[in-house]
N, C-alpha and C. Protein backbone atom coordinates (compact mmCIF):
# COMPACT_ATOMS: atom_id res chain seq x y z
N GLN A 1 123.50 118.39 142.19
CA GLN A 1 122.68 119.16 143.01
C GLN A 1 121.92 119.70 141.50
N VAL A 2 120.78 120.25 141.67
CA VAL A 2 120.13 121.00 140.62
C VAL A 2 120.02 121.98 140.28
N GLN A 3 120.25 122.55 138.93
CA GLN A 3 120.64 124.08 138.54
C GLN A 3 119.15 124.53 137.96
N LEU A 4 119.11 125.77 137.93
CA LEU A 4 117.99 126.27 137.50
C LEU A 4 118.40 127.14 136.52
N VAL A 5 117.40 127.06 135.49
CA VAL A 5 117.43 128.19 134.38
C VAL A 5 116.15 128.81 134.01
N GLU A 6 116.43 129.72 134.31
CA GLU A 6 114.92 130.86 133.93
C GLU A 6 115.03 131.15 132.60
N SER A 7 113.72 131.55 132.04
CA SER A 7 113.80 132.27 130.49
C SER A 7 112.22 132.69 130.45
N GLY A 8 112.30 133.78 129.51
CA GLY A 8 110.64 134.36 129.26
C GLY A 8 110.78 135.24 129.31
N GLY A 9 111.96 136.33 130.42
CA GLY A 9 111.89 137.55 130.90
C GLY A 9 111.82 138.35 129.48
N GLY A 10 111.49 139.54 129.61
CA GLY A 10 111.03 140.48 128.21
C GLY A 10 110.26 141.80 128.64
N LEU A 11 110.21 142.71 127.54
CA LEU A 11 109.68 143.81 128.15
C LEU A 11 108.13 143.52 127.32
N ALA A 12 107.19 144.21 128.39
CA ALA A 12 105.44 144.20 128.49
C ALA A 12 104.87 145.45 128.96
N GLN A 13 103.94 145.87 127.69
CA GLN A 13 103.16 146.78 128.04
C GLN A 13 102.33 146.85 129.25
N ALA A 14 101.92 147.32 130.19
CA ALA A 14 100.76 147.52 131.26
C ALA A 14 99.61 147.10 130.88
N GLY A 15 99.18 145.94 131.51
CA GLY A 15 97.91 145.13 130.90
C GLY A 15 98.43 143.62 130.06
N GLY A 16 99.50 143.82 129.20
CA GLY A 16 100.19 142.52 128.88
C GLY A 16 100.55 141.33 129.30
N SER A 17 100.79 140.43 128.87
CA SER A 17 101.41 139.08 129.47
C SER A 17 102.66 138.87 129.22
N LEU A 18 103.40 137.88 130.06
CA LEU A 18 104.88 137.19 129.95
C LEU A 18 104.62 135.78 130.64
N ARG A 19 105.43 134.81 129.79
CA ARG A 19 105.33 133.47 131.02
C ARG A 19 106.52 133.53 130.95
N LEU A 20 107.01 133.00 132.07
CA LEU A 20 108.43 132.58 132.75
C LEU A 20 108.59 131.15 132.87
N SER A 21 109.77 131.13 132.64
CA SER A 21 110.01 128.94 132.60
C SER A 21 110.79 128.87 133.82
N CYS A 22 111.23 127.88 134.55
CA CYS A 22 112.05 127.42 135.10
C CYS A 22 112.25 125.94 135.05
N ALA A 23 113.62 125.57 134.57
CA ALA A 23 113.73 124.62 134.22
C ALA A 23 115.00 123.80 135.15
N ALA A 24 115.05 122.88 135.54
CA ALA A 24 115.77 122.23 136.27
C ALA A 24 116.49 121.35 135.62
N SER A 25 118.25 120.93 135.76
CA SER A 25 119.06 120.30 135.09
C SER A 25 119.88 119.63 136.52
N GLY A 26 120.20 118.16 136.06
CA GLY A 26 121.15 117.66 136.94
C GLY A 26 120.33 117.19 138.41
N ARG A 27 119.03 116.98 138.30
CA ARG A 27 118.08 116.76 139.61
C ARG A 27 116.79 117.15 139.20
N THR A 28 115.75 116.17 139.31
CA THR A 28 114.79 116.49 139.12
C THR A 28 113.89 117.67 140.61
N PHE A 29 112.64 118.03 140.08
CA PHE A 29 112.40 118.76 141.38
C PHE A 29 111.17 117.87 142.09
N ARG A 30 111.50 116.58 141.99
CA ARG A 30 110.21 115.61 143.04
C ARG A 30 111.01 116.05 144.39
N GLY A 31 110.23 116.15 145.22
CA GLY A 31 110.44 116.43 146.88
C GLY A 31 110.34 117.64 147.04
N ALA A 32 110.67 118.55 145.95
CA ALA A 32 111.08 119.95 146.53
C ALA A 32 109.92 121.04 146.03
N ALA A 33 110.09 122.36 146.95
CA ALA A 33 108.94 123.40 146.96
C ALA A 33 109.78 124.10 145.67
N VAL A 34 109.33 124.60 144.98
CA VAL A 34 109.69 125.46 143.40
C VAL A 34 109.26 126.77 143.64
N GLY A 35 109.95 127.81 143.74
CA GLY A 35 109.26 129.23 143.84
C GLY A 35 110.20 130.12 142.74
N TRP A 36 109.06 131.64 142.91
CA TRP A 36 109.86 132.38 142.57
C TRP A 36 109.57 133.58 143.23
N PHE A 37 110.89 134.45 142.87
CA PHE A 37 110.91 136.04 143.71
C PHE A 37 111.26 136.79 142.83
N ARG A 38 111.27 138.00 143.46
CA ARG A 38 111.73 139.18 142.22
C ARG A 38 112.47 140.01 143.11
N GLN A 39 113.28 140.85 142.49
CA GLN A 39 113.60 141.77 143.23
C GLN A 39 113.56 143.28 142.37
N ALA A 40 112.87 144.54 142.99
CA ALA A 40 113.06 145.40 142.10
C ALA A 40 114.52 146.47 142.22
N PRO A 41 114.95 147.46 141.58
CA PRO A 41 116.36 147.97 142.31
C PRO A 41 115.69 148.64 143.29
N GLY A 42 116.70 148.57 144.32
CA GLY A 42 116.74 149.62 145.37
C GLY A 42 115.90 148.95 146.29
N LYS A 43 115.24 147.83 145.88
CA LYS A 43 114.37 146.87 147.27
C LYS A 43 114.98 145.60 147.56
N GLU A 44 114.22 144.93 148.36
CA GLU A 44 114.70 143.38 149.00
C GLU A 44 114.24 142.79 148.00
N ARG A 45 114.56 141.46 147.97
CA ARG A 45 114.16 140.29 147.40
C ARG A 45 112.55 139.61 147.75
N GLU A 46 111.42 139.91 147.13
CA GLU A 46 110.55 139.21 147.44
C GLU A 46 109.64 138.48 146.88
N PHE A 47 108.86 137.41 148.09
CA PHE A 47 108.45 136.31 147.22
C PHE A 47 106.88 136.34 146.10
N VAL A 48 107.10 135.59 145.15
CA VAL A 48 106.08 136.08 144.28
C VAL A 48 105.38 134.67 144.47
N ALA A 49 105.63 133.66 144.25
CA ALA A 49 104.56 132.33 144.24
C ALA A 49 105.51 131.27 144.53
N VAL A 50 104.88 129.86 144.86
CA VAL A 50 105.24 128.89 145.17
C VAL A 50 104.59 127.29 144.73
N MET A 51 104.91 126.27 144.21
CA MET A 51 104.59 124.91 144.26
C MET A 51 105.21 124.32 145.02
N SER A 52 104.64 123.24 145.65
CA SER A 52 105.12 121.77 145.93
C SER A 52 104.93 121.19 144.97
N TRP A 53 106.13 120.83 144.57
CA TRP A 53 106.30 119.83 143.51
C TRP A 53 105.56 118.68 143.40
N SER A 54 105.57 118.02 144.49
CA SER A 54 104.93 116.50 144.53
C SER A 54 103.34 116.11 144.30
N GLY A 55 102.91 117.19 144.96
CA GLY A 55 101.23 117.64 145.13
C GLY A 55 101.15 118.71 144.22
N GLY A 56 101.80 119.81 143.67
CA GLY A 56 101.11 120.84 143.30
C GLY A 56 100.38 121.76 143.55
N SER A 57 100.34 121.68 144.99
CA SER A 57 99.80 122.72 145.76
C SER A 57 100.62 123.93 145.78
N THR A 58 100.08 125.27 145.36
CA THR A 58 100.41 126.42 145.47
C THR A 58 100.04 127.79 146.11
N SER A 59 100.73 128.54 146.47
CA SER A 59 100.69 129.46 147.42
C SER A 59 101.35 130.82 146.13
N TYR A 60 100.74 131.87 146.81
CA TYR A 60 100.75 133.23 146.29
C TYR A 60 100.91 134.57 146.83
N ALA A 61 101.61 135.55 146.60
CA ALA A 61 101.98 136.77 146.92
C ALA A 61 100.08 137.77 146.74
N ASP A 62 100.05 138.15 147.48
CA ASP A 62 98.94 138.99 147.91
C ASP A 62 99.16 139.93 146.74
N SER A 63 100.03 140.25 146.20
CA SER A 63 100.18 141.51 145.11
C SER A 63 99.87 140.60 143.72
N VAL A 64 100.17 139.53 143.66
CA VAL A 64 100.17 138.94 142.27
C VAL A 64 98.84 137.91 142.50
N LYS A 65 98.12 137.61 143.02
CA LYS A 65 97.10 136.72 143.29
C LYS A 65 95.89 137.36 142.34
N GLY A 66 95.41 136.25 141.34
CA GLY A 66 94.25 136.65 140.45
C GLY A 66 95.18 137.30 139.17
N ARG A 67 96.39 137.79 139.06
CA ARG A 67 96.89 137.81 137.81
C ARG A 67 98.09 136.94 137.33
N PHE A 68 98.82 136.38 138.73
CA PHE A 68 99.94 135.20 138.20
C PHE A 68 99.49 133.93 138.57
N THR A 69 99.87 132.96 137.30
CA THR A 69 99.35 131.81 137.76
C THR A 69 100.43 130.59 137.55
N LEU A 70 101.15 129.72 138.52
CA LEU A 70 101.76 128.63 138.52
C LEU A 70 101.28 127.30 137.62
N SER A 71 101.96 126.89 136.54
CA SER A 71 102.04 125.63 135.98
C SER A 71 102.81 124.75 135.90
N ARG A 72 103.51 123.27 135.20
CA ARG A 72 104.07 122.64 135.21
C ARG A 72 104.38 121.59 134.17
N ASP A 73 105.62 121.35 133.85
CA ASP A 73 105.44 119.94 133.00
C ASP A 73 105.91 119.45 133.65
N TYR A 74 105.11 118.40 134.47
CA TYR A 74 106.03 117.34 135.67
C TYR A 74 107.41 116.41 134.83
N LEU A 75 106.82 116.14 133.76
CA LEU A 75 107.80 114.90 133.71
C LEU A 75 109.32 115.87 132.82
N GLU A 76 108.97 116.94 132.35
CA GLU A 76 110.03 117.77 132.07
C GLU A 76 110.94 118.60 133.08
N ASN A 77 110.44 118.72 134.27
CA ASN A 77 110.75 119.12 135.29
C ASN A 77 111.03 120.81 134.55
N ILE A 78 109.66 121.20 134.52
CA ILE A 78 109.66 122.74 134.06
C ILE A 78 108.34 123.71 134.65
N LEU A 79 108.68 124.38 135.56
CA LEU A 79 108.25 125.41 136.00
C LEU A 79 107.66 126.59 135.39
N PHE A 80 106.37 126.87 134.92
CA PHE A 80 106.04 127.90 134.13
C PHE A 80 105.03 129.26 135.59
N LEU A 81 105.40 130.50 135.25
CA LEU A 81 104.78 131.65 135.66
C LEU A 81 104.05 132.10 134.85
N GLN A 82 102.65 132.46 134.67
CA GLN A 82 102.07 132.87 133.54
C GLN A 82 101.43 134.32 134.23
N MET A 83 101.98 135.33 133.62
CA MET A 83 101.81 136.65 134.42
C MET A 83 100.96 137.47 133.49
N ASN A 84 99.98 137.93 134.08
CA ASN A 84 98.91 138.53 133.08
C ASN A 84 98.65 139.88 134.06
N SER A 85 97.89 140.57 132.96
CA SER A 85 97.33 142.09 133.63
C SER A 85 98.95 142.38 134.27
N LEU A 86 99.67 142.75 133.58
CA LEU A 86 101.09 143.23 134.22
C LEU A 86 100.74 144.64 134.38
N LYS A 87 101.75 145.07 135.59
CA LYS A 87 101.65 146.52 135.77
C LYS A 87 103.13 146.85 136.27
N ALA A 88 103.23 148.32 136.01
CA ALA A 88 104.63 148.93 136.13
C ALA A 88 105.30 148.38 137.47
N GLU A 89 104.37 147.90 138.51
CA GLU A 89 105.27 147.55 139.74
C GLU A 89 105.87 146.19 139.69
N ASP A 90 105.44 145.35 138.51
CA ASP A 90 105.93 143.86 138.46
C ASP A 90 107.24 144.28 137.89
N THR A 91 107.80 145.43 137.51
CA THR A 91 109.15 145.37 137.17
C THR A 91 110.63 144.67 138.09
N ALA A 92 111.33 143.92 137.54
CA ALA A 92 111.58 143.46 138.62
C ALA A 92 112.86 142.34 137.65
N VAL A 93 113.97 141.98 138.64
CA VAL A 93 114.51 140.54 138.32
C VAL A 93 113.76 139.57 139.03
N TYR A 94 113.31 138.40 138.01
CA TYR A 94 112.70 137.43 138.59
C TYR A 94 113.53 136.32 138.65
N TYR A 95 113.55 135.52 139.97
CA TYR A 95 114.44 134.42 140.27
C TYR A 95 113.43 133.25 140.65
N CYS A 96 114.26 132.20 140.31
CA CYS A 96 113.35 130.68 140.22
C CYS A 96 114.23 130.15 141.02
N ALA A 97 113.59 129.42 142.55
CA ALA A 97 114.44 128.81 143.27
C ALA A 97 113.87 127.99 144.09
N THR A 98 114.60 126.70 144.25
CA THR A 98 114.29 125.86 144.92
C THR A 98 114.43 125.18 146.79
N GLY A 99 113.70 124.78 147.31
CA GLY A 99 113.69 124.35 148.74
C GLY A 99 113.01 123.08 149.25
N ILE A 100 113.18 122.73 150.52
CA ILE A 100 112.45 121.83 151.03
C ILE A 100 110.97 121.95 151.20
N VAL A 101 110.69 123.20 151.91
CA VAL A 101 109.61 123.47 152.38
C VAL A 101 108.92 124.57 151.47
N ALA A 102 107.67 124.99 151.25
CA ALA A 102 107.00 125.65 150.35
C ALA A 102 107.01 126.96 151.17
N ASP A 103 108.01 128.26 151.33
CA ASP A 103 107.53 129.07 152.06
C ASP A 103 108.05 130.56 151.66
N LYS A 104 107.57 131.42 151.82
CA LYS A 104 107.24 132.84 151.56
C LYS A 104 108.88 133.32 151.80
N ARG A 105 109.51 132.91 152.65
CA ARG A 105 110.91 133.22 153.39
C ARG A 105 112.08 133.00 152.31
N SER A 106 113.08 133.95 151.39
CA SER A 106 113.87 133.67 150.65
C SER A 106 114.90 132.84 151.18
N SER A 107 115.51 132.91 152.38
CA SER A 107 115.88 132.08 153.11
C SER A 107 115.81 130.54 153.52
N ALA A 108 114.92 129.95 152.93
CA ALA A 108 113.83 128.51 153.25
C ALA A 108 114.60 127.91 151.81
N TYR A 109 115.00 128.70 151.10
CA TYR A 109 115.36 128.18 149.77
C TYR A 109 117.11 128.22 149.51
N ASP A 110 117.84 126.97 149.04
CA ASP A 110 119.14 126.58 148.71
C ASP A 110 119.79 126.70 147.33
N THR A 111 118.95 126.71 146.70
CA THR A 111 119.34 126.76 144.77
C THR A 111 118.58 127.89 144.14
N TRP A 112 119.25 128.57 143.27
CA TRP A 112 118.38 130.14 142.33
C TRP A 112 119.23 130.12 141.47
N GLY A 113 118.22 130.27 140.73
CA GLY A 113 118.28 130.62 139.04
C GLY A 113 119.72 131.65 138.93
N GLN A 114 119.76 132.54 138.15
CA GLN A 114 120.56 133.36 137.57
C GLN A 114 119.60 134.62 137.40
N GLY A 115 118.30 134.75 137.48
CA GLY A 115 117.44 135.75 137.40
C GLY A 115 117.26 136.38 135.89
N THR A 116 115.88 136.45 135.83
CA THR A 116 115.41 136.87 133.94
C THR A 116 114.89 138.08 134.27
N GLN A 117 115.01 139.31 133.71
CA GLN A 117 114.64 140.44 133.90
C GLN A 117 112.68 140.76 133.13
N VAL A 118 112.28 141.43 133.98
CA VAL A 118 110.26 141.78 133.55
C VAL A 118 110.52 143.09 133.56
N THR A 119 110.86 143.86 132.40
CA THR A 119 109.74 145.23 132.43
C THR A 119 108.84 145.66 131.66
N VAL A 120 107.94 146.38 132.60
CA VAL A 120 106.75 146.44 132.46
C VAL A 120 106.73 147.95 132.16
N SER A 121 106.14 148.92 130.99
CA SER A 121 106.22 150.29 130.72
C SER A 121 104.39 150.53 130.52
N SER A 122 104.57 151.63 131.36
CA SER A 122 103.18 152.01 131.72
C SER A 122 102.55 152.89 130.76
């Protein structure tokens, strides 16, 4: 079974940038959908973005569209989330997850990483 390891979180100022990485081990991302979700304190986990690994198609939440961009290292099985123009409301723990179908519902994903904290100061 694939294991996911996120990295790249940290502290950024509003308007700044961070890049998150999600690396797979134990199996490739081939045939999977690889998504990012986030959860802020006291809030439910919410969809951020997803990539269908084989074709590379992507989908974004309206709240991050135009600011966040997915990219990948296909051979190394790493998914990147470039986050620009960060806002205080982007503060959350960001999770990488894999599933069979690209979906905005967290229930569609069966493997999750441990999460990485992103904090944006205003």
